[in-house]
Amino acid sequence: MAMEATTIRFAPEERAWIQSYADFCGKTFSDVVREAALERVEDAADLQAYEEALREDDGVRYTMEEVMRMCEQAQ
C-alpha cells in the first residue's frame, strides 16, 4: 500500500516520549503514531455502531436454549 507523508507537530517532550515507546516496542515512530490514530478512529466507529444498535434495540432477548432450538429448526 502506498503511503503519503503527513506532518504532525509534537512538543519535544511528547516526541521523545513517543520515540521511547516506539524504541521499547521495536517499532518506528511513524508506526506508533499511525497505529494510535487508527485505533482511535476504529474505537469511535465502534462506539457509533454500538449507539446505533442500542437505538434500534427492540428489547427482545433469547436464552441459549432458545437460540439452539432456532438453529436446529432452521436446518
C-alpha atoms as a PDB file:
ATOM      1  CA  MET A   1       0.000   0.000   0.000  1.00  0.00           C
ATOM      2  CA  ALA A   2       1.348   3.397  -0.945  1.00  0.00           C
ATOM      3  CA  MET A   3       1.909   5.775   1.938  1.00  0.00           C
ATOM      4  CA  GLU A   4       1.638   9.552   2.000  1.00  0.00           C
ATOM      5  CA  ALA A   5       3.729  11.781   4.220  1.00  0.00           C
ATOM      6  CA  THR A   6       1.877  13.938   6.730  1.00  0.00           C
ATOM      7  CA  THR A   7       3.262  16.480   9.142  1.00  0.00           C
ATOM      8  CA  ILE A   8       2.182  16.309  12.770  1.00  0.00           C
ATOM      9  CA  ARG A   9       3.668  18.678  15.288  1.00  0.00           C
ATOM     10  CA  PHE A  10       4.645  17.484  18.756  1.00  0.00           C
ATOM     11  CA  ALA A  11       6.269  19.277  21.636  1.00  0.00           C
ATOM     12  CA  PRO A  12       9.841  17.970  22.028  1.00  0.00           C
ATOM     13  CA  GLU A  13       8.988  16.111  25.248  1.00  0.00           C
ATOM     14  CA  GLU A  14       5.937  14.492  23.583  1.00  0.00           C
ATOM     15  CA  ARG A  15       8.021  13.365  20.634  1.00  0.00           C
ATOM     16  CA  ALA A  16      10.699  11.958  22.957  1.00  0.00           C
ATOM     17  CA  TRP A  17       8.081  10.094  24.965  1.00  0.00           C
ATOM     18  CA  ILE A  18       6.546   8.547  21.816  1.00  0.00           C
ATOM     19  CA  GLN A  19      10.008   7.709  20.451  1.00  0.00           C
ATOM     20  CA  SER A  20      10.935   5.975  23.713  1.00  0.00           C
ATOM     21  CA  TYR A  21       7.784   3.879  23.497  1.00  0.00           C
ATOM     22  CA  ALA A  22       8.467   3.059  19.836  1.00  0.00           C
ATOM     23  CA  ASP A  23      12.032   2.002  20.686  1.00  0.00           C
ATOM     24  CA  PHE A  24      10.777  -0.168  23.544  1.00  0.00           C
ATOM     25  CA  CYS A  25       8.272  -1.872  21.209  1.00  0.00           C
ATOM     26  CA  GLY A  26      10.741  -2.224  18.350  1.00  0.00           C
ATOM     27  CA  LYS A  27       8.581  -0.057  16.102  1.00  0.00           C
ATOM     28  CA  THR A  28       9.154   3.140  14.212  1.00  0.00           C
ATOM     29  CA  PHE A  29       7.834   6.467  15.439  1.00  0.00           C
ATOM     30  CA  SER A  30       5.534   6.559  12.397  1.00  0.00           C
ATOM     31  CA  ASP A  31       4.152   3.084  13.123  1.00  0.00           C
ATOM     32  CA  VAL A  32       3.285   4.015  16.708  1.00  0.00           C
ATOM     33  CA  VAL A  33       1.559   7.258  15.726  1.00  0.00           C
ATOM     34  CA  ARG A  34      -0.278   5.645  12.775  1.00  0.00           C
ATOM     35  CA  GLU A  35      -1.493   2.704  14.894  1.00  0.00           C
ATOM     36  CA  ALA A  36      -2.660   5.010  17.690  1.00  0.00           C
ATOM     37  CA  ALA A  37      -4.580   7.247  15.283  1.00  0.00           C
ATOM     38  CA  LEU A  38      -6.222   4.304  13.520  1.00  0.00           C
ATOM     39  CA  GLU A  39      -7.188   2.681  16.830  1.00  0.00           C
ATOM     40  CA  ARG A  40      -8.812   5.937  17.943  1.00  0.00           C
ATOM     41  CA  VAL A  41     -10.819   6.167  14.709  1.00  0.00           C
ATOM     42  CA  GLU A  42     -11.833   2.481  14.934  1.00  0.00           C
ATOM     43  CA  ASP A  43     -12.933   2.940  18.558  1.00  0.00           C
ATOM     44  CA  ALA A  44     -15.073   5.924  17.548  1.00  0.00           C
ATOM     45  CA  ALA A  45     -16.650   3.940  14.699  1.00  0.00           C
ATOM     46  CA  ASP A  46     -17.333   1.009  17.060  1.00  0.00           C
ATOM     47  CA  LEU A  47     -18.950   3.338  19.589  1.00  0.00           C
ATOM     48  CA  GLN A  48     -21.108   4.889  16.888  1.00  0.00           C
ATOM     49  CA  ALA A  49     -22.232   1.425  15.691  1.00  0.00           C
ATOM     50  CA  TYR A  50     -22.971   0.389  19.290  1.00  0.00           C
ATOM     51  CA  GLU A  51     -25.051   3.509  19.948  1.00  0.00           C
ATOM     52  CA  GLU A  52     -26.959   2.947  16.705  1.00  0.00           C
ATOM     53  CA  ALA A  53     -27.633  -0.669  17.677  1.00  0.00           C
ATOM     54  CA  LEU A  54     -28.934   0.485  21.067  1.00  0.00           C
ATOM     55  CA  ARG A  55     -31.320   2.918  19.378  1.00  0.00           C
ATOM     56  CA  GLU A  56     -32.652   0.096  17.178  1.00  0.00           C
ATOM     57  CA  ASP A  57     -32.846  -2.464  20.012  1.00  0.00           C
ATOM     58  CA  ASP A  58     -36.371  -3.804  20.411  1.00  0.00           C
ATOM     59  CA  GLY A  59     -35.618  -5.358  23.817  1.00  0.00           C
ATOM     60  CA  VAL A  60     -36.207  -8.954  22.700  1.00  0.00           C
ATOM     61  CA  ARG A  61     -33.802 -11.413  24.319  1.00  0.00           C
ATOM     62  CA  TYR A  62     -33.362 -15.160  23.845  1.00  0.00           C
ATOM     63  CA  THR A  63     -31.875 -17.778  26.132  1.00  0.00           C
ATOM     64  CA  MET A  64     -29.098 -20.011  24.825  1.00  0.00           C
ATOM     65  CA  GLU A  65     -31.577 -22.910  24.725  1.00  0.00           C
ATOM     66  CA  GLU A  66     -33.954 -20.862  22.561  1.00  0.00           C
ATOM     67  CA  VAL A  67     -31.162 -19.935  20.175  1.00  0.00           C
ATOM     68  CA  MET A  68     -30.056 -23.571  19.901  1.00  0.00           C
ATOM     69  CA  ARG A  69     -33.656 -24.606  19.159  1.00  0.00           C
ATOM     70  CA  MET A  70     -33.971 -21.903  16.488  1.00  0.00           C
ATOM     71  CA  CYS A  71     -30.761 -23.116  14.868  1.00  0.00           C
ATOM     72  CA  GLU A  72     -31.993 -26.708  14.836  1.00  0.00           C
ATOM     73  CA  GLN A  73     -35.291 -25.661  13.278  1.00  0.00           C
ATOM     74  CA  ALA A  74     -33.520 -23.662  10.579  1.00  0.00           C
ATOM     75  CA  GLN A  75     -31.594 -26.712   9.362  1.00  0.00           C
END
